[in-house]
PDB file of N, CA and C in Angstrom:
ATOM      1  N   MET A   1       0.835  -1.176   0.000  1.00  0.00           N
ATOM      2  CA  MET A   1       0.000   0.000   0.000  1.00  0.00           C
ATOM      3  C   MET A   1       0.884   1.244   0.000  1.00  0.00           C
ATOM      4  N   MET A   2       0.566   2.140  -0.892  1.00  0.00           N
ATOM      5  CA  MET A   2       1.349   3.358  -1.002  1.00  0.00           C
ATOM      6  C   MET A   2       0.555   4.572  -0.545  1.00  0.00           C
ATOM      7  N   GLY A   3      -0.663   4.417  -0.252  1.00  0.00           N
ATOM      8  CA  GLY A   3      -1.466   5.509   0.269  1.00  0.00           C
ATOM      9  C   GLY A   3      -1.785   6.578  -0.766  1.00  0.00           C
ATOM     10  N   GLY A   4      -1.759   6.235  -2.040  1.00  0.00           N
ATOM     11  CA  GLY A   4      -2.104   7.179  -3.088  1.00  0.00           C
ATOM     12  C   GLY A   4      -0.974   8.104  -3.505  1.00  0.00           C
ATOM     13  N   PHE A   5       0.226   7.921  -2.938  1.00  0.00           N
ATOM     14  CA  PHE A   5       1.327   8.806  -3.285  1.00  0.00           C
ATOM     15  C   PHE A   5       2.327   8.149  -4.230  1.00  0.00           C
ATOM     16  N   GLY A   6       2.125   6.949  -4.580  1.00  0.00           N
ATOM     17  CA  GLY A   6       3.091   6.250  -5.418  1.00  0.00           C
ATOM     18  C   GLY A   6       2.659   6.199  -6.862  1.00  0.00           C
ATOM     19  N   GLY A   7       3.559   5.812  -7.710  1.00  0.00           N
ATOM     20  CA  GLY A   7       3.268   5.558  -9.110  1.00  0.00           C
ATOM     21  C   GLY A   7       2.650   6.730  -9.837  1.00  0.00           C
ATOM     22  N   HIS A   8       1.362   6.615 -10.115  1.00  0.00           N
ATOM     23  CA  HIS A   8       0.676   7.626 -10.923  1.00  0.00           C
ATOM     24  C   HIS A   8       0.173   8.802 -10.104  1.00  0.00           C
ATOM     25  N   GLY A   9       0.171   8.717  -8.819  1.00  0.00           N
ATOM     26  CA  GLY A   9      -0.377   9.783  -7.982  1.00  0.00           C
ATOM     27  C   GLY A   9       0.333  11.115  -8.183  1.00  0.00           C
ATOM     28  N   TRP A  10       1.648  11.125  -8.142  1.00  0.00           N
ATOM     29  CA  TRP A  10       2.400  12.371  -8.314  1.00  0.00           C
ATOM     30  C   TRP A  10       2.418  12.814  -9.770  1.00  0.00           C
ATOM     31  N   GLY A  11       2.539  11.866 -10.678  1.00  0.00           N
ATOM     32  CA  GLY A  11       2.589  12.213 -12.093  1.00  0.00           C
ATOM     33  C   GLY A  11       1.318  12.880 -12.571  1.00  0.00           C
ATOM     34  N   MET A  12       0.181  12.452 -12.115  1.00  0.00           N
ATOM     35  CA  MET A  12      -1.089  13.044 -12.522  1.00  0.00           C
ATOM     36  C   MET A  12      -1.241  14.440 -11.928  1.00  0.00           C
ATOM     37  N   GLY A  13      -0.642  14.686 -10.799  1.00  0.00           N
ATOM     38  CA  GLY A  13      -0.749  15.980 -10.151  1.00  0.00           C
ATOM     39  C   GLY A  13      -0.037  17.091 -10.900  1.00  0.00           C
ATOM     40  N   TRP A  14       0.968  16.764 -11.670  1.00  0.00           N
ATOM     41  CA  TRP A  14       1.713  17.778 -12.417  1.00  0.00           C
ATOM     42  C   TRP A  14       0.989  18.233 -13.678  1.00  0.00           C
ATOM     43  N   TRP A  15       0.115  17.456 -14.242  1.00  0.00           N
ATOM     44  CA  TRP A  15      -0.548  17.816 -15.497  1.00  0.00           C
ATOM     45  C   TRP A  15      -1.446  19.033 -15.351  1.00  0.00           C
ATOM     46  N   TRP A  16      -2.117  19.171 -14.231  1.00  0.00           N
ATOM     47  CA  TRP A  16      -2.974  20.344 -14.074  1.00  0.00           C
ATOM     48  C   TRP A  16      -2.140  21.612 -13.946  1.00  0.00           C
ATOM     49  N   ILE A  17      -0.946  21.517 -13.348  1.00  0.00           N
ATOM     50  CA  ILE A  17      -0.055  22.678 -13.251  1.00  0.00           C
ATOM     51  C   ILE A  17       0.436  23.076 -14.641  1.00  0.00           C
ATOM     52  N   ILE A  18       0.815  22.090 -15.448  1.00  0.00           N
ATOM     53  CA  ILE A  18       1.259  22.364 -16.813  1.00  0.00           C
ATOM     54  C   ILE A  18       0.120  22.988 -17.612  1.00  0.00           C
ATOM     55  N   GLY A  19      -1.084  22.489 -17.438  1.00  0.00           N
ATOM     56  CA  GLY A  19      -2.242  23.054 -18.128  1.00  0.00           C
ATOM     57  C   GLY A  19      -2.481  24.507 -17.754  1.00  0.00           C
ATOM     58  N   ILE A  20      -2.360  24.823 -16.480  1.00  0.00           N
ATOM     59  CA  ILE A  20      -2.544  26.201 -16.025  1.00  0.00           C
ATOM     60  C   ILE A  20      -1.464  27.104 -16.617  1.00  0.00           C
ATOM     61  N   VAL A  21      -0.227  26.627 -16.647  1.00  0.00           N
ATOM     62  CA  VAL A  21       0.866  27.415 -17.225  1.00  0.00           C
ATOM     63  C   VAL A  21       0.596  27.692 -18.696  1.00  0.00           C
ATOM     64  N   ILE A  22       0.119  26.707 -19.426  1.00  0.00           N
ATOM     65  CA  ILE A  22      -0.186  26.887 -20.848  1.00  0.00           C
ATOM     66  C   ILE A  22      -1.322  27.897 -21.025  1.00  0.00           C
ATOM     67  N   VAL A  23      -2.371  27.782 -20.238  1.00  0.00           N
ATOM     68  CA  VAL A  23      -3.498  28.714 -20.343  1.00  0.00           C
ATOM     69  C   VAL A  23      -3.039  30.143 -20.029  1.00  0.00           C
ATOM     70  N   VAL A  24      -2.244  30.314 -18.992  1.00  0.00           N
ATOM     71  CA  VAL A  24      -1.747  31.643 -18.631  1.00  0.00           C
ATOM     72  C   VAL A  24      -0.883  32.203 -19.763  1.00  0.00           C
ATOM     73  N   ALA A  25      -0.039  31.374 -20.362  1.00  0.00           N
ATOM     74  CA  ALA A  25       0.812  31.829 -21.464  1.00  0.00           C
ATOM     75  C   ALA A  25      -0.014  32.257 -22.666  1.00  0.00           C
ATOM     76  N   VAL A  26      -1.048  31.518 -22.996  1.00  0.00           N
ATOM     77  CA  VAL A  26      -1.906  31.873 -24.126  1.00  0.00           C
ATOM     78  C   VAL A  26      -2.631  33.185 -23.847  1.00  0.00           C
ATOM     79  N   VAL A  27      -3.185  33.345 -22.657  1.00  0.00           N
ATOM     80  CA  VAL A  27      -3.890  34.574 -22.304  1.00  0.00           C
ATOM     81  C   VAL A  27      -2.928  35.762 -22.355  1.00  0.00           C
ATOM     82  N   TRP A  28      -1.713  35.588 -21.854  1.00  0.00           N
ATOM     83  CA  TRP A  28      -0.713  36.649 -21.862  1.00  0.00           C
ATOM     84  C   TRP A  28      -0.372  37.065 -23.289  1.00  0.00           C
ATOM     85  N   MET A  29      -0.211  36.098 -24.192  1.00  0.00           N
ATOM     86  CA  MET A  29       0.110  36.413 -25.583  1.00  0.00           C
ATOM     87  C   MET A  29      -1.039  37.158 -26.262  1.00  0.00           C
ATOM     88  N   VAL A  30      -2.275  36.754 -25.980  1.00  0.00           N
ATOM     89  CA  VAL A  30      -3.434  37.433 -26.574  1.00  0.00           C
ATOM     90  C   VAL A  30      -3.512  38.870 -26.075  1.00  0.00           C
ATOM     91  N   VAL A  31      -3.361  39.081 -24.778  1.00  0.00           N
ATOM     92  CA  VAL A  31      -3.424  40.435 -24.219  1.00  0.00           C
ATOM     93  C   VAL A  31      -2.291  41.292 -24.769  1.00  0.00           C
ATOM     94  N   LYS A  32      -1.104  40.738 -24.849  1.00  0.00           N
ATOM     95  CA  LYS A  32       0.038  41.479 -25.385  1.00  0.00           C
ATOM     96  C   LYS A  32      -0.203  41.854 -26.848  1.00  0.00           C
ATOM     97  N   GLY A  33      -0.767  40.948 -27.623  1.00  0.00           N
ATOM     98  CA  GLY A  33      -1.065  41.225 -29.023  1.00  0.00           C
ATOM     99  C   GLY A  33      -2.101  42.318 -29.176  1.00  0.00           C
ATOM    100  N   LEU A  34      -3.119  42.314 -28.332  1.00  0.00           N
ATOM    101  CA  LEU A  34      -4.142  43.356 -28.384  1.00  0.00           C
ATOM    102  C   LEU A  34      -3.572  44.716 -28.010  1.00  0.00           C
ATOM    103  N   ASN A  35      -2.695  44.746 -27.023  1.00  0.00           N
ATOM    104  CA  ASN A  35      -2.088  46.007 -26.615  1.00  0.00           C
ATOM    105  C   ASN A  35      -1.190  46.564 -27.702  1.00  0.00           C
ATOM    106  N   GLN A  36      -0.457  45.721 -28.408  1.00  0.00           N
ATOM    107  CA  GLN A  36       0.406  46.180 -29.492  1.00  0.00           C
ATOM    108  C   GLN A  36      -0.421  46.766 -30.621  1.00  0.00           C
ATOM    109  N   ASN A  37      -1.544  46.159 -30.935  1.00  0.00           N
ATOM    110  CA  ASN A  37      -2.395  46.682 -32.001  1.00  0.00           C
ATOM    111  C   ASN A  37      -2.934  48.056 -31.650  1.00  0.00           C
ATOM    112  N   SER A  38      -3.293  48.278 -30.411  1.00  0.00           N
ATOM    113  CA  SER A  38      -3.863  49.570 -30.042  1.00  0.00           C
ATOM    114  C   SER A  38      -2.799  50.656 -29.955  1.00  0.00           C
ATOM    115  N   THR A  39      -1.563  50.323 -29.619  1.00  0.00           N
ATOM    116  CA  THR A  39      -0.525  51.338 -29.517  1.00  0.00           C
ATOM    117  C   THR A  39       0.125  51.624 -30.849  1.00  0.00           C
ATOM    118  N   ASN A  40      -0.001  50.764 -31.832  1.00  0.00           N
ATOM    119  CA  ASN A  40       0.633  50.968 -33.127  1.00  0.00           C
ATOM    120  C   ASN A  40      -0.228  51.763 -34.100  1.00  0.00           C
ATOM    121  N   GLN A  41      -1.389  52.189 -33.705  1.00  0.00           N
ATOM    122  CA  GLN A  41      -2.275  52.890 -34.629  1.00  0.00           C
ATOM    123  C   GLN A  41      -1.696  54.227 -35.054  1.00  0.00           C
ATOM    124  N   GLY A  42      -1.030  54.951 -34.182  1.00  0.00           N
ATOM    125  CA  GLY A  42      -0.479  56.248 -34.527  1.00  0.00           C
ATOM    126  C   GLY A  42       0.887  56.168 -35.186  1.00  0.00           C
ATOM    127  N   ILE A  43       1.546  55.037 -35.099  1.00  0.00           N
ATOM    128  CA  ILE A  43       2.872  54.887 -35.671  1.00  0.00           C
ATOM    129  C   ILE A  43       2.761  54.759 -37.182  1.00  0.00           C
ATOM    130  N   GLY A  44       3.648  55.420 -37.884  1.00  0.00           N
ATOM    131  CA  GLY A  44       3.656  55.330 -39.329  1.00  0.00           C
ATOM    132  C   GLY A  44       3.011  56.528 -40.004  1.00  0.00           C
ATOM    133  N   LYS A  45       2.367  57.384 -39.242  1.00  0.00           N
ATOM    134  CA  LYS A  45       1.769  58.585 -39.807  1.00  0.00           C
ATOM    135  C   LYS A  45       2.822  59.684 -39.829  1.00  0.00           C
ATOM    136  N   SER A  46       2.882  60.388 -40.931  1.00  0.00           N
ATOM    137  CA  SER A  46       3.802  61.514 -41.006  1.00  0.00           C
ATOM    138  C   SER A  46       3.166  62.718 -40.323  1.00  0.00           C
ATOM    139  N   ALA A  47       3.985  63.710 -40.078  1.00  0.00           N
ATOM    140  CA  ALA A  47       3.474  64.940 -39.471  1.00  0.00           C
ATOM    141  C   ALA A  47       2.453  65.606 -40.386  1.00  0.00           C
ATOM    142  N   LEU A  48       2.685  65.520 -41.689  1.00  0.00           N
ATOM    143  CA  LEU A  48       1.757  66.109 -42.638  1.00  0.00           C
ATOM    144  C   LEU A  48       0.407  65.391 -42.606  1.00  0.00           C
ATOM    145  N   ASP A  49       0.429  64.055 -42.456  1.00  0.00           N
ATOM    146  CA  ASP A  49      -0.825  63.294 -42.345  1.00  0.00           C
ATOM    147  C   ASP A  49      -1.621  63.723 -41.119  1.00  0.00           C
ATOM    148  N   ILE A  50      -0.924  63.896 -40.015  1.00  0.00           N
ATOM    149  CA  ILE A  50      -1.591  64.312 -38.782  1.00  0.00           C
ATOM    150  C   ILE A  50      -2.152  65.722 -38.946  1.00  0.00           C
ATOM    151  N   LEU A  51      -1.374  66.593 -39.610  1.00  0.00           N
ATOM    152  CA  LEU A  51      -1.844  67.951 -39.851  1.00  0.00           C
ATOM    153  C   LEU A  51      -3.099  67.953 -40.722  1.00  0.00           C
ATOM    154  N   LYS A  52      -3.108  67.119 -41.743  1.00  0.00           N
ATOM    155  CA  LYS A  52      -4.285  67.013 -42.610  1.00  0.00           C
ATOM    156  C   LYS A  52      -5.504  66.519 -41.839  1.00  0.00           C
ATOM    157  N   GLU A  53      -5.297  65.567 -40.951  1.00  0.00           N
ATOM    158  CA  GLU A  53      -6.403  65.047 -40.138  1.00  0.00           C
ATOM    159  C   GLU A  53      -6.958  66.131 -39.219  1.00  0.00           C
ATOM    160  N   ARG A  54      -6.071  66.911 -38.630  1.00  0.00           N
ATOM    161  CA  ARG A  54      -6.529  67.993 -37.743  1.00  0.00           C
ATOM    162  C   ARG A  54      -7.330  69.031 -38.517  1.00  0.00           C
ATOM    163  N   TYR A  55      -6.890  69.330 -39.733  1.00  0.00           N
ATOM    164  CA  TYR A  55      -7.621  70.284 -40.580  1.00  0.00           C
ATOM    165  C   TYR A  55      -8.987  69.713 -40.967  1.00  0.00           C
ATOM    166  N   ALA A  56      -9.012  68.450 -41.316  1.00  0.00           N
ATOM    167  CA  ALA A  56     -10.273  67.807 -41.704  1.00  0.00           C
ATOM    168  C   ALA A  56     -11.267  67.770 -40.548  1.00  0.00           C
ATOM    169  N   ARG A  57     -10.779  67.615 -39.321  1.00  0.00           N
ATOM    170  CA  ARG A  57     -11.666  67.596 -38.148  1.00  0.00           C
ATOM    171  C   ARG A  57     -12.082  68.997 -37.724  1.00  0.00           C
ATOM    172  N   GLY A  58     -11.470  70.013 -38.312  1.00  0.00           N
ATOM    173  CA  GLY A  58     -11.822  71.382 -37.956  1.00  0.00           C
ATOM    174  C   GLY A  58     -11.088  71.914 -36.746  1.00  0.00           C
ATOM    175  N   GLU A  59     -10.040  71.235 -36.315  1.00  0.00           N
ATOM    176  CA  GLU A  59      -9.277  71.691 -35.155  1.00  0.00           C
ATOM    177  C   GLU A  59      -8.449  72.932 -35.488  1.00  0.00           C
ATOM    178  N   ILE A  60      -8.038  73.065 -36.748  1.00  0.00           N
ATOM    179  CA  ILE A  60      -7.276  74.227 -37.186  1.00  0.00           C
ATOM    180  C   ILE A  60      -7.929  74.795 -38.444  1.00  0.00           C
ATOM    181  N   ASP A  61      -7.727  76.089 -38.673  1.00  0.00           N
ATOM    182  CA  ASP A  61      -8.303  76.695 -39.872  1.00  0.00           C
ATOM    183  C   ASP A  61      -7.312  76.610 -41.040  1.00  0.00           C
ATOM    184  N   LYS A  62      -7.736  77.092 -42.210  1.00  0.00           N
ATOM    185  CA  LYS A  62      -6.934  76.966 -43.416  1.00  0.00           C
ATOM    186  C   LYS A  62      -5.622  77.731 -43.300  1.00  0.00           C
ATOM    187  N   GLN A  63      -5.663  78.903 -42.707  1.00  0.00           N
ATOM    188  CA  GLN A  63      -4.451  79.705 -42.567  1.00  0.00           C
ATOM    189  C   GLN A  63      -3.418  78.968 -41.709  1.00  0.00           C
ATOM    190  N   GLU A  64      -3.844  78.449 -40.578  1.00  0.00           N
ATOM    191  CA  GLU A  64      -2.921  77.717 -39.704  1.00  0.00           C
ATOM    192  C   GLU A  64      -2.418  76.462 -40.396  1.00  0.00           C
ATOM    193  N   PHE A  65      -3.292  75.795 -41.125  1.00  0.00           N
ATOM    194  CA  PHE A  65      -2.888  74.599 -41.871  1.00  0.00           C
ATOM    195  C   PHE A  65      -1.770  74.942 -42.859  1.00  0.00           C
ATOM    196  N   GLU A  66      -1.965  76.011 -43.624  1.00  0.00           N
ATOM    197  CA  GLU A  66      -0.970  76.406 -44.625  1.00  0.00           C
ATOM    198  C   GLU A  66       0.356  76.807 -43.972  1.00  0.00           C
ATOM    199  N   GLU A  67       0.296  77.509 -42.854  1.00  0.00           N
ATOM    200  CA  GLU A  67       1.525  77.925 -42.154  1.00  0.00           C
ATOM    201  C   GLU A  67       2.302  76.712 -41.650  1.00  0.00           C
ATOM    202  N   ARG A  68       1.591  75.819 -41.003  1.00  0.00           N
ATOM    203  CA  ARG A  68       2.261  74.620 -40.473  1.00  0.00           C
ATOM    204  C   ARG A  68       2.762  73.715 -41.589  1.00  0.00           C
ATOM    205  N   LYS A  69       2.028  73.673 -42.688  1.00  0.00           N
ATOM    206  CA  LYS A  69       2.464  72.863 -43.829  1.00  0.00           C
ATOM    207  C   LYS A  69       3.773  73.418 -44.389  1.00  0.00           C
ATOM    208  N   ARG A  70       3.879  74.744 -44.481  1.00  0.00           N
ATOM    209  CA  ARG A  70       5.122  75.375 -44.933  1.00  0.00           C
ATOM    210  C   ARG A  70       6.266  75.063 -43.988  1.00  0.00           C
ATOM    211  N   ASP A  71       5.983  75.056 -42.697  1.00  0.00           N
ATOM    212  CA  ASP A  71       7.032  74.746 -41.711  1.00  0.00           C
ATOM    213  C   ASP A  71       7.538  73.314 -41.857  1.00  0.00           C
ATOM    214  N   LEU A  72       6.671  72.433 -42.251  1.00  0.00           N
ATOM    215  CA  LEU A  72       7.052  71.023 -42.361  1.00  0.00           C
ATOM    216  C   LEU A  72       7.849  70.723 -43.626  1.00  0.00           C
ATOM    217  N   THR A  73       7.621  71.503 -44.681  1.00  0.00           N
ATOM    218  CA  THR A  73       8.310  71.216 -45.947  1.00  0.00           C
ATOM    219  C   THR A  73       9.497  72.095 -46.163  1.00  0.00           C
TER     220      THR A  73
END
């Protein structure tokens, strides 16, 4: 009699730990991927693109747009 601690008793106990580690790793990768997508939205836009967007939204008027555009080029 081994009292449930011999043979398969310990080996079966490790599988649930491995499963939890795998689930945590998958969740971490998904969250990290989502965060990268949300932070990369502004990357790759030139200053002129941002200026055009601000003008299109009405944040700046035509005169300010033209002045800043001249400064950029």
